[in-house]
Structures are given as structure tokens and as C-alpha cells.
N, C-alpha and C. Protein backbone atom coordinates (compact mmCIF):
# COMPACT_ATOMS: atom_id res chain seq x y z
N UNK A 1 -52.92 -104.61 -49.90
CA UNK A 1 -53.75 -103.56 -49.40
C UNK A 1 -53.61 -102.35 -50.30
N UNK A 2 -54.73 -101.79 -50.67
CA UNK A 2 -54.76 -100.64 -51.57
C UNK A 2 -55.17 -99.41 -50.79
N UNK A 3 -54.38 -98.29 -50.98
CA UNK A 3 -54.67 -97.03 -50.29
C UNK A 3 -55.58 -96.22 -51.19
N UNK A 4 -56.70 -95.74 -50.65
CA UNK A 4 -57.64 -94.97 -51.46
C UNK A 4 -56.99 -93.69 -52.00
N UNK A 5 -57.39 -93.29 -53.19
CA UNK A 5 -56.85 -92.11 -53.86
C UNK A 5 -57.06 -90.85 -53.03
N UNK A 6 -58.15 -90.74 -52.31
CA UNK A 6 -58.43 -89.55 -51.51
C UNK A 6 -57.39 -89.40 -50.39
N UNK A 7 -56.93 -90.51 -49.83
CA UNK A 7 -55.91 -90.46 -48.78
C UNK A 7 -54.58 -90.03 -49.38
N UNK A 8 -54.25 -90.55 -50.57
CA UNK A 8 -53.00 -90.17 -51.23
C UNK A 8 -53.00 -88.68 -51.56
N UNK A 9 -54.15 -88.16 -52.06
CA UNK A 9 -54.26 -86.74 -52.36
C UNK A 9 -54.11 -85.89 -51.10
N UNK A 10 -54.68 -86.36 -50.00
CA UNK A 10 -54.61 -85.64 -48.74
C UNK A 10 -53.15 -85.56 -48.25
N UNK A 11 -52.40 -86.65 -48.40
CA UNK A 11 -51.01 -86.68 -47.96
C UNK A 11 -50.08 -85.94 -48.92
N UNK A 12 -50.47 -85.83 -50.18
CA UNK A 12 -49.61 -85.19 -51.18
C UNK A 12 -49.49 -83.69 -50.95
N UNK A 13 -50.53 -83.03 -50.48
CA UNK A 13 -50.51 -81.58 -50.29
C UNK A 13 -49.45 -81.20 -49.24
N UNK A 14 -49.42 -81.79 -48.03
CA UNK A 14 -48.37 -81.42 -47.07
C UNK A 14 -46.97 -81.80 -47.57
N UNK A 15 -46.86 -82.88 -48.32
CA UNK A 15 -45.55 -83.30 -48.82
C UNK A 15 -45.01 -82.28 -49.80
N UNK A 16 -45.85 -81.77 -50.69
CA UNK A 16 -45.41 -80.76 -51.65
C UNK A 16 -45.05 -79.47 -50.92
N UNK A 17 -45.82 -79.12 -49.89
CA UNK A 17 -45.54 -77.92 -49.11
C UNK A 17 -44.19 -78.05 -48.40
N UNK A 18 -43.91 -79.20 -47.82
CA UNK A 18 -42.63 -79.42 -47.14
C UNK A 18 -41.47 -79.40 -48.11
N UNK A 19 -41.66 -79.94 -49.30
CA UNK A 19 -40.59 -79.90 -50.30
C UNK A 19 -40.30 -78.46 -50.73
N UNK A 20 -41.32 -77.62 -50.79
CA UNK A 20 -41.13 -76.23 -51.17
C UNK A 20 -40.35 -75.47 -50.10
N UNK A 21 -40.53 -75.85 -48.84
CA UNK A 21 -39.82 -75.20 -47.75
C UNK A 21 -38.40 -75.74 -47.57
N UNK A 22 -38.13 -76.91 -48.10
CA UNK A 22 -36.84 -77.54 -47.90
C UNK A 22 -35.75 -76.74 -48.59
N UNK A 23 -34.76 -76.38 -47.82
CA UNK A 23 -33.62 -75.63 -48.34
C UNK A 23 -32.41 -76.56 -48.27
N UNK A 24 -32.02 -77.13 -49.39
CA UNK A 24 -30.90 -78.06 -49.35
C UNK A 24 -29.62 -77.35 -48.90
N UNK A 25 -28.76 -78.05 -48.18
CA UNK A 25 -27.53 -77.42 -47.73
C UNK A 25 -26.65 -77.05 -48.92
N UNK A 26 -26.02 -75.91 -48.80
CA UNK A 26 -25.09 -75.52 -49.86
C UNK A 26 -23.69 -75.92 -49.40
N UNK A 27 -22.93 -76.45 -50.30
CA UNK A 27 -21.60 -76.94 -49.97
C UNK A 27 -20.55 -76.01 -50.56
N UNK A 28 -19.67 -75.54 -49.67
CA UNK A 28 -18.56 -74.71 -50.13
C UNK A 28 -17.48 -75.63 -50.67
N UNK A 29 -16.69 -75.10 -51.56
CA UNK A 29 -15.60 -75.89 -52.09
C UNK A 29 -14.55 -76.07 -51.00
N UNK A 30 -14.19 -77.30 -50.72
CA UNK A 30 -13.19 -77.60 -49.69
C UNK A 30 -11.84 -77.78 -50.33
N UNK A 31 -10.84 -77.17 -49.73
CA UNK A 31 -9.48 -77.32 -50.21
C UNK A 31 -8.68 -78.00 -49.11
N UNK A 32 -8.12 -79.15 -49.40
CA UNK A 32 -7.32 -79.86 -48.43
C UNK A 32 -5.89 -79.39 -48.52
N UNK A 33 -5.27 -79.22 -47.37
CA UNK A 33 -3.89 -78.76 -47.34
C UNK A 33 -3.16 -79.46 -46.21
N UNK A 34 -1.85 -79.53 -46.32
CA UNK A 34 -1.06 -80.11 -45.24
C UNK A 34 -0.40 -79.02 -44.41
N UNK A 35 -0.64 -77.75 -44.74
CA UNK A 35 -0.08 -76.66 -43.95
C UNK A 35 -0.82 -76.54 -42.63
N UNK A 36 -0.10 -76.09 -41.60
CA UNK A 36 -0.74 -75.86 -40.32
C UNK A 36 -1.66 -74.65 -40.43
N UNK A 37 -2.78 -74.72 -39.73
CA UNK A 37 -3.76 -73.65 -39.81
C UNK A 37 -3.20 -72.33 -39.30
N UNK A 38 -2.40 -72.37 -38.26
CA UNK A 38 -1.93 -71.12 -37.67
C UNK A 38 -0.77 -70.50 -38.44
N UNK A 39 0.07 -71.31 -39.05
CA UNK A 39 1.21 -70.78 -39.78
C UNK A 39 2.42 -70.51 -38.91
N UNK A 40 2.31 -70.66 -37.60
CA UNK A 40 3.44 -70.50 -36.69
C UNK A 40 3.55 -71.79 -35.88
N UNK A 41 4.73 -72.40 -35.90
CA UNK A 41 4.90 -73.69 -35.24
C UNK A 41 6.25 -73.74 -34.54
N UNK A 42 6.53 -74.86 -33.91
CA UNK A 42 7.83 -75.08 -33.26
C UNK A 42 8.52 -76.27 -33.93
N UNK A 43 9.85 -76.26 -33.89
CA UNK A 43 10.62 -77.39 -34.43
C UNK A 43 11.89 -77.56 -33.61
N UNK A 44 12.56 -78.66 -33.84
CA UNK A 44 13.84 -78.96 -33.18
C UNK A 44 13.76 -78.84 -31.66
N UNK A 45 12.68 -79.32 -31.06
CA UNK A 45 12.49 -79.22 -29.62
C UNK A 45 13.38 -80.25 -28.91
N UNK A 46 14.07 -79.77 -27.88
CA UNK A 46 14.91 -80.64 -27.05
C UNK A 46 14.61 -80.34 -25.59
N UNK A 47 14.57 -81.40 -24.78
CA UNK A 47 14.32 -81.26 -23.36
C UNK A 47 15.47 -81.91 -22.61
N UNK A 48 16.11 -81.14 -21.74
CA UNK A 48 17.16 -81.67 -20.87
C UNK A 48 16.92 -81.14 -19.48
N UNK A 49 16.59 -82.04 -18.55
CA UNK A 49 16.27 -81.61 -17.18
C UNK A 49 15.09 -80.68 -17.19
N UNK A 50 15.31 -79.45 -16.68
CA UNK A 50 14.21 -78.48 -16.65
C UNK A 50 14.32 -77.45 -17.78
N UNK A 51 15.22 -77.69 -18.74
CA UNK A 51 15.39 -76.78 -19.88
C UNK A 51 14.67 -77.31 -21.12
N UNK A 52 13.92 -76.44 -21.78
CA UNK A 52 13.23 -76.78 -23.02
C UNK A 52 13.69 -75.75 -24.06
N UNK A 53 14.18 -76.24 -25.18
CA UNK A 53 14.63 -75.32 -26.23
C UNK A 53 14.19 -75.82 -27.59
N UNK A 54 14.20 -74.91 -28.55
CA UNK A 54 13.81 -75.24 -29.92
C UNK A 54 13.76 -73.99 -30.75
N UNK A 55 12.96 -74.05 -31.82
CA UNK A 55 12.82 -72.91 -32.72
C UNK A 55 11.35 -72.64 -32.98
N UNK A 56 11.01 -71.35 -33.08
CA UNK A 56 9.67 -70.94 -33.53
C UNK A 56 9.80 -70.65 -35.01
N UNK A 57 8.94 -71.26 -35.82
CA UNK A 57 8.99 -71.12 -37.27
C UNK A 57 7.79 -70.31 -37.74
N UNK A 58 8.07 -69.22 -38.46
CA UNK A 58 7.02 -68.35 -39.00
C UNK A 58 6.77 -68.72 -40.46
N UNK A 59 5.63 -69.35 -40.72
CA UNK A 59 5.26 -69.75 -42.07
C UNK A 59 4.19 -68.84 -42.65
N UNK A 60 3.99 -67.68 -42.01
CA UNK A 60 3.00 -66.73 -42.51
C UNK A 60 3.67 -65.70 -43.41
N UNK A 61 2.88 -64.83 -44.00
CA UNK A 61 3.40 -63.76 -44.84
C UNK A 61 3.62 -62.49 -44.03
N UNK A 62 3.42 -62.57 -42.70
CA UNK A 62 3.54 -61.41 -41.82
C UNK A 62 4.70 -61.61 -40.84
N UNK A 63 5.11 -60.52 -40.20
CA UNK A 63 6.13 -60.59 -39.17
C UNK A 63 5.48 -60.96 -37.84
N UNK A 64 6.01 -61.96 -37.16
CA UNK A 64 5.52 -62.36 -35.85
C UNK A 64 6.24 -61.53 -34.81
N UNK A 65 5.49 -60.84 -33.93
CA UNK A 65 6.08 -59.98 -32.91
C UNK A 65 6.11 -60.61 -31.53
N UNK A 66 5.14 -61.40 -31.21
CA UNK A 66 5.12 -62.07 -29.92
C UNK A 66 4.41 -63.40 -30.08
N UNK A 67 4.72 -64.31 -29.19
CA UNK A 67 4.10 -65.63 -29.26
C UNK A 67 3.95 -66.16 -27.85
N UNK A 68 3.00 -67.05 -27.67
CA UNK A 68 2.81 -67.71 -26.39
C UNK A 68 3.12 -69.19 -26.58
N UNK A 69 4.11 -69.66 -25.85
CA UNK A 69 4.58 -71.03 -25.95
C UNK A 69 3.84 -71.88 -24.92
N UNK A 70 3.28 -72.99 -25.34
CA UNK A 70 2.55 -73.90 -24.47
C UNK A 70 3.38 -75.18 -24.35
N UNK A 71 3.84 -75.49 -23.14
CA UNK A 71 4.66 -76.68 -22.91
C UNK A 71 3.87 -77.63 -22.00
N UNK A 72 3.52 -78.78 -22.56
CA UNK A 72 2.77 -79.79 -21.80
C UNK A 72 3.71 -80.93 -21.41
N UNK A 73 3.74 -81.22 -20.13
CA UNK A 73 4.54 -82.33 -19.62
C UNK A 73 3.55 -83.45 -19.29
N UNK A 74 3.31 -84.33 -20.27
CA UNK A 74 2.35 -85.43 -20.11
C UNK A 74 2.99 -86.56 -19.32
N UNK A 75 2.22 -87.13 -18.41
CA UNK A 75 2.67 -88.30 -17.69
C UNK A 75 2.05 -89.53 -18.35
N UNK A 76 2.90 -90.46 -18.77
CA UNK A 76 2.45 -91.70 -19.40
C UNK A 76 2.67 -92.83 -18.40
N UNK A 77 1.59 -93.41 -17.94
CA UNK A 77 1.67 -94.49 -16.96
C UNK A 77 2.30 -95.72 -17.57
N UNK A 78 3.12 -96.41 -16.80
CA UNK A 78 3.73 -97.66 -17.26
C UNK A 78 2.64 -98.70 -17.49
N UNK A 79 1.61 -98.70 -16.64
CA UNK A 79 0.47 -99.62 -16.79
C UNK A 79 -0.78 -98.77 -17.00
N UNK A 80 -1.08 -98.45 -18.25
CA UNK A 80 -2.23 -97.61 -18.56
C UNK A 80 -3.57 -98.24 -18.16
N UNK A 81 -3.59 -99.55 -18.03
CA UNK A 81 -4.83 -100.23 -17.62
C UNK A 81 -5.11 -100.01 -16.13
N UNK A 82 -4.09 -99.70 -15.36
CA UNK A 82 -4.23 -99.47 -13.92
C UNK A 82 -3.43 -98.23 -13.52
N UNK A 83 -3.88 -97.05 -13.97
CA UNK A 83 -3.13 -95.83 -13.65
C UNK A 83 -3.27 -95.49 -12.16
N UNK A 84 -2.32 -94.73 -11.66
CA UNK A 84 -2.37 -94.31 -10.27
C UNK A 84 -3.28 -93.11 -10.08
N UNK A 85 -3.31 -92.61 -8.86
CA UNK A 85 -4.17 -91.47 -8.52
C UNK A 85 -3.43 -90.14 -8.57
N UNK A 86 -2.13 -90.16 -8.66
CA UNK A 86 -1.35 -88.93 -8.56
C UNK A 86 -0.58 -88.64 -9.85
N UNK A 87 -1.30 -88.18 -10.86
CA UNK A 87 -0.70 -87.84 -12.14
C UNK A 87 0.20 -86.61 -11.94
N UNK A 88 1.51 -86.74 -12.14
CA UNK A 88 2.41 -85.62 -11.90
C UNK A 88 2.58 -84.67 -13.09
N UNK A 89 1.80 -84.85 -14.16
CA UNK A 89 1.92 -84.00 -15.33
C UNK A 89 1.52 -82.56 -15.04
N UNK A 90 2.03 -81.62 -15.85
CA UNK A 90 1.69 -80.22 -15.68
C UNK A 90 1.87 -79.48 -17.01
N UNK A 91 1.41 -78.23 -17.02
CA UNK A 91 1.48 -77.38 -18.20
C UNK A 91 2.14 -76.06 -17.82
N UNK A 92 3.05 -75.59 -18.67
CA UNK A 92 3.68 -74.28 -18.50
C UNK A 92 3.33 -73.42 -19.71
N UNK A 93 3.10 -72.14 -19.48
CA UNK A 93 2.84 -71.18 -20.56
C UNK A 93 3.87 -70.06 -20.45
N UNK A 94 4.51 -69.75 -21.58
CA UNK A 94 5.56 -68.74 -21.61
C UNK A 94 5.25 -67.69 -22.66
N UNK A 95 5.03 -66.44 -22.26
CA UNK A 95 4.92 -65.38 -23.26
C UNK A 95 6.32 -65.03 -23.76
N UNK A 96 6.51 -64.98 -25.05
CA UNK A 96 7.81 -64.69 -25.64
C UNK A 96 7.74 -63.42 -26.48
N UNK A 97 8.70 -62.55 -26.31
CA UNK A 97 8.81 -61.36 -27.14
C UNK A 97 9.83 -61.70 -28.22
N UNK A 98 9.35 -61.81 -29.45
CA UNK A 98 10.20 -62.21 -30.57
C UNK A 98 9.87 -61.31 -31.76
N UNK A 99 10.73 -61.30 -32.73
CA UNK A 99 10.46 -60.65 -34.00
C UNK A 99 10.96 -61.60 -35.07
N UNK A 100 10.02 -62.24 -35.75
CA UNK A 100 10.37 -63.26 -36.75
C UNK A 100 9.81 -62.85 -38.10
N UNK A 101 10.68 -62.61 -39.05
CA UNK A 101 10.26 -62.24 -40.39
C UNK A 101 9.53 -63.41 -41.07
N UNK A 102 8.72 -63.11 -42.08
CA UNK A 102 8.03 -64.19 -42.82
C UNK A 102 9.03 -65.20 -43.36
N UNK A 103 8.73 -66.48 -43.17
CA UNK A 103 9.58 -67.55 -43.67
C UNK A 103 10.83 -67.80 -42.84
N UNK A 104 10.97 -67.13 -41.72
CA UNK A 104 12.16 -67.30 -40.88
C UNK A 104 11.82 -68.03 -39.59
N UNK A 105 12.84 -68.23 -38.76
CA UNK A 105 12.65 -68.87 -37.46
C UNK A 105 13.50 -68.16 -36.43
N UNK A 106 13.19 -68.41 -35.16
CA UNK A 106 13.95 -67.82 -34.05
C UNK A 106 14.06 -68.87 -32.94
N UNK A 107 15.21 -68.93 -32.28
CA UNK A 107 15.38 -69.91 -31.21
C UNK A 107 14.64 -69.48 -29.94
N UNK A 108 14.30 -70.45 -29.12
CA UNK A 108 13.75 -70.17 -27.79
C UNK A 108 14.39 -71.13 -26.80
N UNK A 109 14.46 -70.69 -25.57
CA UNK A 109 14.91 -71.54 -24.47
C UNK A 109 14.18 -71.08 -23.23
N UNK A 110 13.48 -72.01 -22.58
CA UNK A 110 12.72 -71.70 -21.37
C UNK A 110 13.07 -72.73 -20.30
N UNK A 111 12.81 -72.34 -19.07
CA UNK A 111 13.05 -73.23 -17.94
C UNK A 111 11.70 -73.66 -17.38
N UNK A 112 11.51 -74.97 -17.21
CA UNK A 112 10.25 -75.49 -16.67
C UNK A 112 10.01 -74.95 -15.27
N UNK A 113 8.74 -74.85 -14.92
CA UNK A 113 8.38 -74.34 -13.60
C UNK A 113 8.74 -75.31 -12.49
N UNK A 114 9.02 -76.55 -12.84
CA UNK A 114 9.44 -77.55 -11.86
C UNK A 114 10.26 -78.63 -12.54
N UNK A 115 10.96 -79.38 -11.75
CA UNK A 115 11.75 -80.50 -12.26
C UNK A 115 10.88 -81.75 -12.18
N UNK A 116 10.88 -82.52 -13.26
CA UNK A 116 10.08 -83.75 -13.30
C UNK A 116 10.58 -84.72 -12.22
N UNK A 117 9.67 -85.26 -11.42
CA UNK A 117 10.09 -86.21 -10.39
C UNK A 117 10.58 -87.52 -10.99
N UNK A 118 11.53 -88.14 -10.33
CA UNK A 118 12.03 -89.45 -10.75
C UNK A 118 11.10 -90.52 -10.21
N UNK A 119 10.42 -91.23 -11.12
CA UNK A 119 9.46 -92.26 -10.72
C UNK A 119 9.65 -93.47 -11.61
N UNK A 120 9.23 -94.63 -11.09
CA UNK A 120 9.37 -95.87 -11.85
C UNK A 120 8.03 -96.35 -12.43
N UNK A 121 6.93 -95.63 -12.15
CA UNK A 121 5.62 -96.07 -12.60
C UNK A 121 5.17 -95.40 -13.90
N UNK A 122 6.10 -94.76 -14.62
CA UNK A 122 5.76 -94.13 -15.89
C UNK A 122 6.88 -93.23 -16.36
N UNK A 123 6.59 -92.49 -17.42
CA UNK A 123 7.57 -91.57 -18.00
C UNK A 123 6.87 -90.29 -18.42
N UNK A 124 7.66 -89.25 -18.59
CA UNK A 124 7.14 -87.98 -19.08
C UNK A 124 7.35 -87.86 -20.58
N UNK A 125 6.39 -87.22 -21.23
CA UNK A 125 6.51 -86.85 -22.63
C UNK A 125 6.21 -85.35 -22.70
N UNK A 126 7.12 -84.59 -23.24
CA UNK A 126 6.95 -83.14 -23.32
C UNK A 126 6.56 -82.74 -24.73
N UNK A 127 5.46 -82.01 -24.86
CA UNK A 127 4.98 -81.49 -26.14
C UNK A 127 5.01 -79.97 -26.08
N UNK A 128 5.50 -79.35 -27.13
CA UNK A 128 5.60 -77.90 -27.19
C UNK A 128 4.83 -77.41 -28.41
N UNK A 129 4.03 -76.36 -28.23
CA UNK A 129 3.28 -75.78 -29.34
C UNK A 129 3.10 -74.29 -29.10
N UNK A 130 2.63 -73.61 -30.11
CA UNK A 130 2.31 -72.18 -30.01
C UNK A 130 0.82 -72.08 -29.74
N UNK A 131 0.46 -71.44 -28.63
CA UNK A 131 -0.98 -71.32 -28.33
C UNK A 131 -1.58 -70.07 -28.95
N UNK A 132 -0.77 -69.01 -29.11
CA UNK A 132 -1.25 -67.82 -29.83
C UNK A 132 -0.05 -66.96 -30.18
N UNK A 133 -0.28 -66.03 -31.11
CA UNK A 133 0.81 -65.16 -31.56
C UNK A 133 0.22 -63.87 -32.13
N UNK A 134 1.06 -62.87 -32.21
CA UNK A 134 0.66 -61.59 -32.79
C UNK A 134 1.53 -61.30 -34.00
N UNK A 135 0.93 -60.70 -35.01
CA UNK A 135 1.66 -60.38 -36.24
C UNK A 135 1.47 -58.93 -36.64
N UNK A 136 2.40 -58.47 -37.45
CA UNK A 136 2.28 -57.17 -38.11
C UNK A 136 2.21 -57.47 -39.59
N UNK A 137 1.13 -57.08 -40.25
CA UNK A 137 1.00 -57.38 -41.69
C UNK A 137 2.14 -56.77 -42.50
N UNK A 138 2.54 -57.49 -43.52
CA UNK A 138 3.59 -57.02 -44.43
C UNK A 138 3.03 -55.85 -45.24
N UNK A 139 3.82 -54.82 -45.37
CA UNK A 139 3.32 -53.63 -46.08
C UNK A 139 3.90 -53.52 -47.45
């Protein structure tokens, strides 16, 4: 089947117009890094009973003055294919007043808002992170 030249000419005008309007996306140079985006993290976390302790690490060039610690007590079901209806997991948030110089760390110790119940249908996993922090720029 042959398409008449007049039809091709008719279709070519809108196509050229659309190409003129087309703005190709501009790509910024991406730099991959293994550093954490926030620059403030936790390490050496230990959980014993209702006590959670560890260190806040300042990897920024500024002094950290305060931080908010986020402690998640995840409940992991023994049978994930048939979980129960009463997930006992919870989250605690602790505002901490600290002063951590650039490249330094400071210890923390907090008490959970509750004691994890003793159950046989799963286990708890506690994750600790910094949800936000305040800094004073280095002068």
C-alpha cells in the first residue's frame, strides 16, 4: 500500500511543529556516594530489657546541638505467612540535647516507653536512627 504524497505532506507539518516544541530533558551530573545523606547517624546500638544505648556520630562539618532519636520496635512474626491480629510493635521518639563537634560522637541511653511482652509467636527487632537534628555552622 502506497501513501499519497499529499497525506505525507499534511502529516509532516504537525510533526515538525511538535519537534520544535519538544524540550528534551536535561540531565544533571549524578555523583554516587556511600555517605549517609544526613551526615548524622547512630552506631554501637545495644538493647537490654527496656534500655537502649549507643552513640550518635556527627559526620558533618558543623556542630550538632540537638537530635531526635527514633527507636522502632518491630515485631517479626514467627509465621509471616499467617500473622496475628495484635502486632505489639511500637515507636518511641526521644529529643536529645547534645553537643557533638564535627567528626565526633556522643553516647546516648534511653528507656523504652514500655517493656516488650514475652511471646512465643515472634520476636522483636529494634532499629534506632536519627529522625532530625540541629547544627551550628562552623565559623
